[in-house]
């Protein structure tokens, strides 16, 4: 289940230098908006991926017992894998710091 596109992100709390975060855009607020939009993209992708994997296990029968739902080990393993992944905000910050995010400012 290892994803090649996942960025290595530390789980520890890190104090970030606001001035360094604002350097690429010249404005901390623009930097935060860029990182938050990227974070939303990552979260949406992860949610879709998880939903697709869990939908493989859903059966179309109307008679589902509670025991059958809780006994599916593969579903539990998949859910635990996604719970252990770094938060999308941490991934977006790391990508922003590494210069891996492309953005453009629309001039009016």
N, C-alpha and C. Protein backbone atom coordinates (compact mmCIF):
# COMPACT_ATOMS: atom_id res chain seq x y z
N UNK A 1 0.80 -1.20 0.00
CA UNK A 1 0.00 0.00 0.00
C UNK A 1 0.85 1.26 0.00
N UNK A 2 2.12 1.13 -0.15
CA UNK A 2 3.03 2.29 -0.12
C UNK A 2 2.80 3.13 -1.38
N UNK A 3 2.55 4.39 -1.20
CA UNK A 3 2.29 5.30 -2.31
C UNK A 3 3.58 5.99 -2.70
N UNK A 4 3.90 5.95 -3.98
CA UNK A 4 5.15 6.55 -4.47
C UNK A 4 5.13 8.06 -4.40
N UNK A 5 3.94 8.65 -4.43
CA UNK A 5 3.81 10.10 -4.46
C UNK A 5 3.81 10.73 -3.08
N UNK A 6 3.83 9.92 -2.03
CA UNK A 6 3.79 10.47 -0.68
C UNK A 6 5.11 11.14 -0.33
N UNK A 7 5.03 12.30 0.28
CA UNK A 7 6.19 13.05 0.72
C UNK A 7 6.48 12.63 2.15
N UNK A 8 7.77 12.44 2.46
CA UNK A 8 8.16 12.11 3.84
C UNK A 8 7.93 13.33 4.70
N UNK A 9 7.06 13.20 5.71
CA UNK A 9 6.71 14.31 6.58
C UNK A 9 6.90 13.87 8.02
N UNK A 10 7.48 14.74 8.82
CA UNK A 10 7.68 14.45 10.23
C UNK A 10 6.37 14.57 10.98
N UNK A 11 6.16 13.67 11.95
CA UNK A 11 4.95 13.72 12.77
C UNK A 11 5.09 14.66 13.95
N UNK A 12 6.31 15.12 14.21
CA UNK A 12 6.55 15.99 15.35
C UNK A 12 6.05 17.40 15.09
N UNK A 13 5.80 18.11 16.17
CA UNK A 13 5.42 19.51 16.06
C UNK A 13 6.67 20.34 15.76
N UNK A 14 6.58 21.17 14.73
CA UNK A 14 7.72 21.95 14.30
C UNK A 14 7.34 23.43 14.31
N UNK A 15 8.19 24.25 14.87
CA UNK A 15 7.99 25.69 14.80
C UNK A 15 8.50 26.16 13.45
N UNK A 16 7.68 26.86 12.72
CA UNK A 16 8.06 27.29 11.38
C UNK A 16 8.34 28.79 11.36
N UNK A 17 9.33 29.16 10.57
CA UNK A 17 9.69 30.56 10.43
C UNK A 17 8.74 31.21 9.43
N UNK A 18 7.95 32.14 9.90
CA UNK A 18 6.94 32.79 9.06
C UNK A 18 7.59 33.57 7.93
N UNK A 19 8.73 34.16 8.18
CA UNK A 19 9.40 34.94 7.15
C UNK A 19 9.86 34.05 6.00
N UNK A 20 10.38 32.85 6.33
CA UNK A 20 10.79 31.92 5.27
C UNK A 20 9.59 31.41 4.49
N UNK A 21 8.46 31.20 5.17
CA UNK A 21 7.26 30.75 4.47
C UNK A 21 6.72 31.81 3.52
N UNK A 22 6.95 33.08 3.86
CA UNK A 22 6.42 34.15 3.01
C UNK A 22 7.36 34.55 1.88
N UNK A 23 8.59 34.03 1.88
CA UNK A 23 9.56 34.43 0.85
C UNK A 23 9.13 34.13 -0.58
N UNK A 24 8.60 32.94 -0.89
CA UNK A 24 8.25 32.67 -2.30
C UNK A 24 7.18 33.62 -2.87
N UNK A 25 6.26 34.06 -2.04
CA UNK A 25 5.18 34.91 -2.54
C UNK A 25 5.35 36.37 -2.15
N UNK A 26 6.12 36.63 -1.11
CA UNK A 26 6.27 37.99 -0.62
C UNK A 26 5.19 38.40 0.36
N UNK A 27 4.27 37.49 0.63
CA UNK A 27 3.15 37.79 1.52
C UNK A 27 2.77 36.51 2.24
N UNK A 28 2.75 36.54 3.57
CA UNK A 28 2.44 35.34 4.34
C UNK A 28 1.02 34.86 4.08
N UNK A 29 0.10 35.78 3.86
CA UNK A 29 -1.29 35.40 3.63
C UNK A 29 -1.46 34.65 2.31
N UNK A 30 -0.75 35.10 1.28
CA UNK A 30 -0.79 34.38 0.00
C UNK A 30 -0.20 32.99 0.15
N UNK A 31 0.89 32.89 0.91
CA UNK A 31 1.51 31.59 1.14
C UNK A 31 0.55 30.65 1.86
N UNK A 32 -0.15 31.17 2.86
CA UNK A 32 -1.10 30.34 3.61
C UNK A 32 -2.25 29.89 2.71
N UNK A 33 -2.73 30.77 1.85
CA UNK A 33 -3.82 30.41 0.94
C UNK A 33 -3.36 29.32 -0.02
N UNK A 34 -2.15 29.45 -0.54
CA UNK A 34 -1.62 28.44 -1.46
C UNK A 34 -1.50 27.10 -0.76
N UNK A 35 -0.95 27.10 0.45
CA UNK A 35 -0.80 25.85 1.20
C UNK A 35 -2.16 25.25 1.57
N UNK A 36 -3.13 26.09 1.90
CA UNK A 36 -4.44 25.56 2.28
C UNK A 36 -5.17 24.96 1.07
N UNK A 37 -5.03 25.60 -0.08
CA UNK A 37 -5.66 25.05 -1.29
C UNK A 37 -5.02 23.71 -1.67
N UNK A 38 -3.71 23.64 -1.55
CA UNK A 38 -3.02 22.37 -1.84
C UNK A 38 -3.44 21.30 -0.82
N UNK A 39 -3.57 21.69 0.43
CA UNK A 39 -4.00 20.77 1.47
C UNK A 39 -5.39 20.21 1.16
N UNK A 40 -6.28 21.07 0.71
CA UNK A 40 -7.63 20.62 0.33
C UNK A 40 -7.59 19.64 -0.84
N UNK A 41 -6.69 19.88 -1.81
CA UNK A 41 -6.53 18.96 -2.93
C UNK A 41 -6.06 17.59 -2.45
N UNK A 42 -5.06 17.59 -1.57
CA UNK A 42 -4.52 16.34 -1.05
C UNK A 42 -5.59 15.59 -0.28
N UNK A 43 -6.33 16.30 0.58
CA UNK A 43 -7.39 15.67 1.38
C UNK A 43 -8.47 15.06 0.48
N UNK A 44 -8.86 15.78 -0.56
CA UNK A 44 -9.88 15.27 -1.48
C UNK A 44 -9.39 14.02 -2.21
N UNK A 45 -8.12 14.03 -2.63
CA UNK A 45 -7.56 12.86 -3.30
C UNK A 45 -7.51 11.66 -2.37
N UNK A 46 -7.08 11.87 -1.14
CA UNK A 46 -7.01 10.78 -0.17
C UNK A 46 -8.41 10.24 0.14
N UNK A 47 -9.38 11.13 0.28
CA UNK A 47 -10.74 10.70 0.57
C UNK A 47 -11.31 9.87 -0.57
N UNK A 48 -11.07 10.31 -1.80
CA UNK A 48 -11.56 9.56 -2.97
C UNK A 48 -10.88 8.20 -3.04
N UNK A 49 -9.58 8.18 -2.82
CA UNK A 49 -8.83 6.93 -2.87
C UNK A 49 -9.32 5.95 -1.81
N UNK A 50 -9.52 6.43 -0.60
CA UNK A 50 -10.00 5.59 0.48
C UNK A 50 -11.42 5.09 0.19
N UNK A 51 -12.27 5.96 -0.29
CA UNK A 51 -13.64 5.56 -0.61
C UNK A 51 -13.67 4.49 -1.69
N UNK A 52 -12.83 4.65 -2.71
CA UNK A 52 -12.77 3.66 -3.78
C UNK A 52 -12.33 2.30 -3.25
N UNK A 53 -11.32 2.30 -2.37
CA UNK A 53 -10.84 1.02 -1.82
C UNK A 53 -11.87 0.37 -0.92
N UNK A 54 -12.57 1.17 -0.12
CA UNK A 54 -13.56 0.61 0.78
C UNK A 54 -14.82 0.17 0.04
N UNK A 55 -15.12 0.82 -1.08
CA UNK A 55 -16.29 0.42 -1.88
C UNK A 55 -16.09 -0.95 -2.53
N UNK A 56 -14.85 -1.36 -2.70
CA UNK A 56 -14.58 -2.69 -3.24
C UNK A 56 -15.11 -3.77 -2.31
N UNK A 57 -15.17 -3.46 -1.02
CA UNK A 57 -15.60 -4.45 -0.04
C UNK A 57 -17.10 -4.46 0.18
N UNK A 58 -17.77 -3.42 -0.25
CA UNK A 58 -19.21 -3.37 -0.01
C UNK A 58 -19.92 -4.38 -0.91
N UNK A 59 -20.80 -5.12 -0.31
CA UNK A 59 -21.57 -6.05 -1.11
C UNK A 59 -22.97 -5.49 -1.29
N UNK A 60 -23.61 -5.91 -2.35
CA UNK A 60 -24.89 -5.33 -2.70
C UNK A 60 -26.07 -6.04 -2.05
N UNK A 61 -25.81 -7.00 -1.22
CA UNK A 61 -26.93 -7.71 -0.59
C UNK A 61 -27.57 -6.82 0.47
N UNK A 62 -28.83 -6.97 0.62
CA UNK A 62 -29.57 -6.15 1.58
C UNK A 62 -29.43 -6.69 3.00
N UNK A 63 -29.02 -7.94 3.13
CA UNK A 63 -28.92 -8.55 4.45
C UNK A 63 -27.47 -8.47 4.91
N UNK A 64 -27.12 -7.43 5.62
CA UNK A 64 -25.79 -7.27 6.21
C UNK A 64 -25.93 -7.39 7.71
N UNK A 65 -25.16 -8.26 8.27
CA UNK A 65 -25.18 -8.34 9.71
C UNK A 65 -24.07 -7.48 10.27
N UNK A 66 -24.22 -7.10 11.48
CA UNK A 66 -23.23 -6.26 12.15
C UNK A 66 -21.90 -6.97 12.28
N UNK A 67 -21.95 -8.28 12.50
CA UNK A 67 -20.72 -9.05 12.66
C UNK A 67 -19.90 -9.08 11.38
N UNK A 68 -20.57 -9.20 10.23
CA UNK A 68 -19.85 -9.23 8.96
C UNK A 68 -19.10 -7.93 8.73
N UNK A 69 -19.69 -6.83 9.13
CA UNK A 69 -19.07 -5.53 8.93
C UNK A 69 -17.81 -5.40 9.77
N UNK A 70 -17.84 -5.88 11.00
CA UNK A 70 -16.69 -5.71 11.89
C UNK A 70 -15.61 -6.76 11.68
N UNK A 71 -15.93 -7.83 11.00
CA UNK A 71 -14.95 -8.90 10.85
C UNK A 71 -14.04 -8.75 9.64
N UNK A 72 -14.27 -7.80 8.82
CA UNK A 72 -13.46 -7.66 7.63
C UNK A 72 -12.12 -7.03 7.97
N UNK A 73 -11.11 -7.84 8.10
CA UNK A 73 -9.78 -7.39 8.51
C UNK A 73 -9.12 -6.48 7.48
N UNK A 74 -9.34 -6.76 6.22
CA UNK A 74 -8.70 -5.94 5.18
C UNK A 74 -9.20 -4.51 5.23
N UNK A 75 -10.48 -4.33 5.47
CA UNK A 75 -11.03 -2.97 5.59
C UNK A 75 -10.39 -2.25 6.77
N UNK A 76 -10.22 -2.95 7.86
CA UNK A 76 -9.62 -2.35 9.05
C UNK A 76 -8.17 -1.97 8.78
N UNK A 77 -7.44 -2.84 8.09
CA UNK A 77 -6.04 -2.54 7.77
C UNK A 77 -5.93 -1.33 6.85
N UNK A 78 -6.80 -1.25 5.87
CA UNK A 78 -6.78 -0.11 4.95
C UNK A 78 -7.09 1.18 5.70
N UNK A 79 -8.09 1.14 6.56
CA UNK A 79 -8.46 2.33 7.34
C UNK A 79 -7.31 2.76 8.25
N UNK A 80 -6.67 1.80 8.88
CA UNK A 80 -5.54 2.13 9.76
C UNK A 80 -4.38 2.73 8.97
N UNK A 81 -4.14 2.21 7.77
CA UNK A 81 -3.08 2.75 6.93
C UNK A 81 -3.33 4.23 6.64
N UNK A 82 -4.57 4.56 6.28
CA UNK A 82 -4.89 5.94 5.95
C UNK A 82 -4.90 6.84 7.19
N UNK A 83 -5.20 6.27 8.34
CA UNK A 83 -5.15 7.05 9.58
C UNK A 83 -3.71 7.41 9.94
N UNK A 84 -2.76 6.56 9.58
CA UNK A 84 -1.36 6.79 9.92
C UNK A 84 -0.66 7.73 8.95
N UNK A 85 -1.27 8.01 7.83
CA UNK A 85 -0.66 8.91 6.86
C UNK A 85 -0.55 10.31 7.47
N UNK A 86 0.45 11.09 7.05
CA UNK A 86 0.55 12.46 7.57
C UNK A 86 -0.66 13.30 7.14
N UNK A 87 -0.98 14.26 7.97
CA UNK A 87 -2.11 15.13 7.68
C UNK A 87 -1.84 15.91 6.39
N UNK A 88 -2.88 16.18 5.61
CA UNK A 88 -2.70 16.90 4.36
C UNK A 88 -2.06 18.28 4.54
N UNK A 89 -2.31 18.94 5.66
CA UNK A 89 -1.70 20.25 5.88
C UNK A 89 -0.19 20.14 6.02
N UNK A 90 0.28 19.11 6.72
CA UNK A 90 1.72 18.92 6.87
C UNK A 90 2.38 18.61 5.52
N UNK A 91 1.70 17.80 4.73
CA UNK A 91 2.22 17.47 3.41
C UNK A 91 2.28 18.71 2.52
N UNK A 92 1.24 19.54 2.57
CA UNK A 92 1.20 20.76 1.75
C UNK A 92 2.29 21.73 2.17
N UNK A 93 2.53 21.87 3.47
CA UNK A 93 3.59 22.76 3.94
C UNK A 93 4.94 22.28 3.46
N UNK A 94 5.18 20.98 3.55
CA UNK A 94 6.46 20.40 3.11
C UNK A 94 6.66 20.62 1.61
N UNK A 95 5.61 20.39 0.84
CA UNK A 95 5.70 20.61 -0.61
C UNK A 95 5.97 22.08 -0.92
N UNK A 96 5.34 22.98 -0.19
CA UNK A 96 5.54 24.41 -0.41
C UNK A 96 6.98 24.80 -0.09
N UNK A 97 7.50 24.29 1.01
CA UNK A 97 8.88 24.60 1.40
C UNK A 97 9.89 24.04 0.40
N UNK A 98 9.58 22.89 -0.19
CA UNK A 98 10.48 22.28 -1.18
C UNK A 98 10.31 22.86 -2.57
N UNK A 99 9.35 23.77 -2.75
CA UNK A 99 9.13 24.37 -4.06
C UNK A 99 8.45 23.43 -5.04
N UNK A 100 7.67 22.49 -4.54
CA UNK A 100 7.02 21.50 -5.39
C UNK A 100 5.60 21.91 -5.80
N UNK A 101 5.14 23.04 -5.31
CA UNK A 101 3.78 23.50 -5.64
C UNK A 101 3.88 24.60 -6.69
N UNK A 102 3.10 24.44 -7.75
CA UNK A 102 3.04 25.46 -8.79
C UNK A 102 1.79 26.30 -8.54
N UNK A 103 1.95 27.60 -8.58
CA UNK A 103 0.82 28.52 -8.45
C UNK A 103 1.08 29.70 -9.35
N UNK A 104 0.00 30.40 -9.64
CA UNK A 104 0.12 31.62 -10.43
C UNK A 104 -0.87 32.62 -9.90
N UNK A 105 -0.52 33.86 -10.02
CA UNK A 105 -1.39 34.94 -9.58
C UNK A 105 -2.06 35.53 -10.78
N UNK A 106 -3.38 35.53 -10.77
CA UNK A 106 -4.15 36.04 -11.89
C UNK A 106 -4.21 37.56 -11.76
N UNK A 107 -3.66 38.22 -12.74
CA UNK A 107 -3.67 39.68 -12.76
C UNK A 107 -4.95 40.14 -13.45
N UNK A 108 -5.59 41.15 -12.87
CA UNK A 108 -6.85 41.62 -13.48
C UNK A 108 -6.62 42.83 -14.36
